[in-house]
C-alpha atoms as a PDB file:
ATOM      1  CA  MET A   1      -6.474   9.054  13.192  1.00  0.00           C
ATOM      2  CA  SER A   2      -3.152   9.761  11.431  1.00  0.00           C
ATOM      3  CA  THR A   3      -2.113   8.116   8.155  1.00  0.00           C
ATOM      4  CA  LYS A   4       0.468   6.063  10.046  1.00  0.00           C
ATOM      5  CA  GLU A   5      -2.070   4.891  12.584  1.00  0.00           C
ATOM      6  CA  MET A   6      -4.451   3.888   9.830  1.00  0.00           C
ATOM      7  CA  ALA A   7      -1.734   1.965   8.078  1.00  0.00           C
ATOM      8  CA  CYS A   8      -0.764   0.163  11.266  1.00  0.00           C
ATOM      9  CA  SER A   9      -4.394  -0.688  11.896  1.00  0.00           C
ATOM     10  CA  MET A  10      -4.761  -2.092   8.385  1.00  0.00           C
ATOM     11  CA  ILE A  11      -1.566  -4.100   8.630  1.00  0.00           C
ATOM     12  CA  ASN A  12      -2.607  -5.646  11.931  1.00  0.00           C
ATOM     13  CA  THR A  13      -5.651  -7.194  10.204  1.00  0.00           C
ATOM     14  CA  CYS A  14      -3.535  -8.845   7.475  1.00  0.00           C
ATOM     15  CA  ASN A  15      -1.817 -11.562   9.569  1.00  0.00           C
ATOM     16  CA  LEU A  16       1.644 -10.781   8.185  1.00  0.00           C
ATOM     17  CA  ASP A  17       4.746 -12.529   9.469  1.00  0.00           C
ATOM     18  CA  ASP A  18       7.438 -10.421  11.183  1.00  0.00           C
ATOM     19  CA  GLU A  19       9.609  -9.894   8.081  1.00  0.00           C
ATOM     20  CA  ALA A  20       6.653  -8.884   5.951  1.00  0.00           C
ATOM     21  CA  MET A  21       5.497  -6.539   8.699  1.00  0.00           C
ATOM     22  CA  ARG A  22       8.978  -4.934   8.846  1.00  0.00           C
ATOM     23  CA  SER A  23       8.969  -4.502   5.063  1.00  0.00           C
ATOM     24  CA  VAL A  24       5.579  -2.838   5.130  1.00  0.00           C
ATOM     25  CA  MET A  25       6.609  -0.554   7.971  1.00  0.00           C
ATOM     26  CA  ARG A  26       9.808   0.452   6.106  1.00  0.00           C
ATOM     27  CA  TYR A  27       7.734   1.279   3.017  1.00  0.00           C
ATOM     28  CA  ILE A  28       5.258   3.322   5.098  1.00  0.00           C
ATOM     29  CA  GLN A  29       8.122   5.252   6.625  1.00  0.00           C
ATOM     30  CA  PHE A  30       9.517   5.863   3.104  1.00  0.00           C
ATOM     31  CA  LEU A  31       6.149   7.272   2.022  1.00  0.00           C
ATOM     32  CA  VAL A  32       5.944   9.498   5.097  1.00  0.00           C
ATOM     33  CA  ASN A  33       9.429  10.775   4.434  1.00  0.00           C
ATOM     34  CA  GLU A  34       8.673  11.486   0.801  1.00  0.00           C
ATOM     35  CA  SER A  35       5.527  13.299   1.776  1.00  0.00           C
ATOM     36  CA  GLU A  36       7.448  15.460   4.263  1.00  0.00           C
ATOM     37  CA  LYS A  37      10.032  16.312   1.552  1.00  0.00           C
ATOM     38  CA  GLN A  38       7.267  17.318  -0.866  1.00  0.00           C
ATOM     39  CA  THR A  39       5.633  19.450   1.758  1.00  0.00           C
ATOM     40  CA  ALA A  40       8.968  21.201   2.512  1.00  0.00           C
ATOM     41  CA  ALA A  41       9.596  21.716  -1.220  1.00  0.00           C
ATOM     42  CA  VAL A  42       6.207  23.348  -1.694  1.00  0.00           C
ATOM     43  CA  GLN A  43       6.786  25.593   1.348  1.00  0.00           C
ATOM     44  CA  LEU A  44      10.186  26.622  -0.028  1.00  0.00           C
ATOM     45  CA  LEU A  45       8.741  27.420  -3.446  1.00  0.00           C
ATOM     46  CA  ASN A  46       5.951  29.458  -1.846  1.00  0.00           C
ATOM     47  CA  GLU A  47       8.484  31.426   0.205  1.00  0.00           C
ATOM     48  CA  LEU A  48      10.638  32.061  -2.855  1.00  0.00           C
ATOM     49  CA  ALA A  49       7.645  33.265  -4.839  1.00  0.00           C
ATOM     50  CA  GLU A  50       6.678  35.568  -1.973  1.00  0.00           C
ATOM     51  CA  GLY A  51      10.187  37.001  -1.807  1.00  0.00           C
ATOM     52  CA  GLU A  52      10.323  37.530  -5.563  1.00  0.00           C
ATOM     53  CA  LYS A  53       6.965  39.320  -5.483  1.00  0.00           C
ATOM     54  CA  SER A  54       8.168  41.531  -2.636  1.00  0.00           C
ATOM     55  CA  ALA A  55      11.376  42.304  -4.508  1.00  0.00           C
ATOM     56  CA  ALA A  56       9.480  43.175  -7.606  1.00  0.00           C
ATOM     57  CA  GLU A  57       7.169  45.512  -5.710  1.00  0.00           C
ATOM     58  CA  GLN A  58       9.654  47.038  -3.278  1.00  0.00           C
ATOM     59  CA  GLY A  59      13.000  46.577  -5.028  1.00  0.00           C
ATOM     60  CA  TRP A  60      15.807  44.147  -4.468  1.00  0.00           C
ATOM     61  CA  LEU A  61      18.173  44.408  -1.483  1.00  0.00           C
ATOM     62  CA  SER A  62      21.835  45.038  -2.110  1.00  0.00           C
ATOM     63  CA  PRO A  63      24.289  42.399  -0.893  1.00  0.00           C
ATOM     64  CA  GLU A  64      25.350  44.810   1.883  1.00  0.00           C
ATOM     65  CA  ASP A  65      21.751  45.261   2.957  1.00  0.00           C
ATOM     66  CA  VAL A  66      21.289  41.519   3.166  1.00  0.00           C
ATOM     67  CA  GLU A  67      24.472  41.103   5.259  1.00  0.00           C
ATOM     68  CA  ARG A  68      23.270  43.916   7.540  1.00  0.00           C
ATOM     69  CA  GLU A  69      19.895  42.229   7.940  1.00  0.00           C
ATOM     70  CA  LEU A  70      21.574  38.985   8.871  1.00  0.00           C
ATOM     71  CA  GLY A  71      23.852  40.704  11.323  1.00  0.00           C
ATOM     72  CA  LEU A  72      26.983  39.867   9.349  1.00  0.00           C
ATOM     73  CA  LEU A  73      28.215  43.513   9.129  1.00  0.00           C
END
């Protein structure tokens, strides 16, 4: 069961009115979005660390090499 499914299951047992239910659901969506942002930030930092390690071991690419790799030249 996903976090969202568990939250919905818990909310359904609380006898909330419609407005309270909408508020809770907006808060749950906010938490899910923040979690996704944190996951993306961690992934980005991991990729940057991997690139820096690779550059330290194998040397940095010149700007021209980067453009060539990206198909810009």
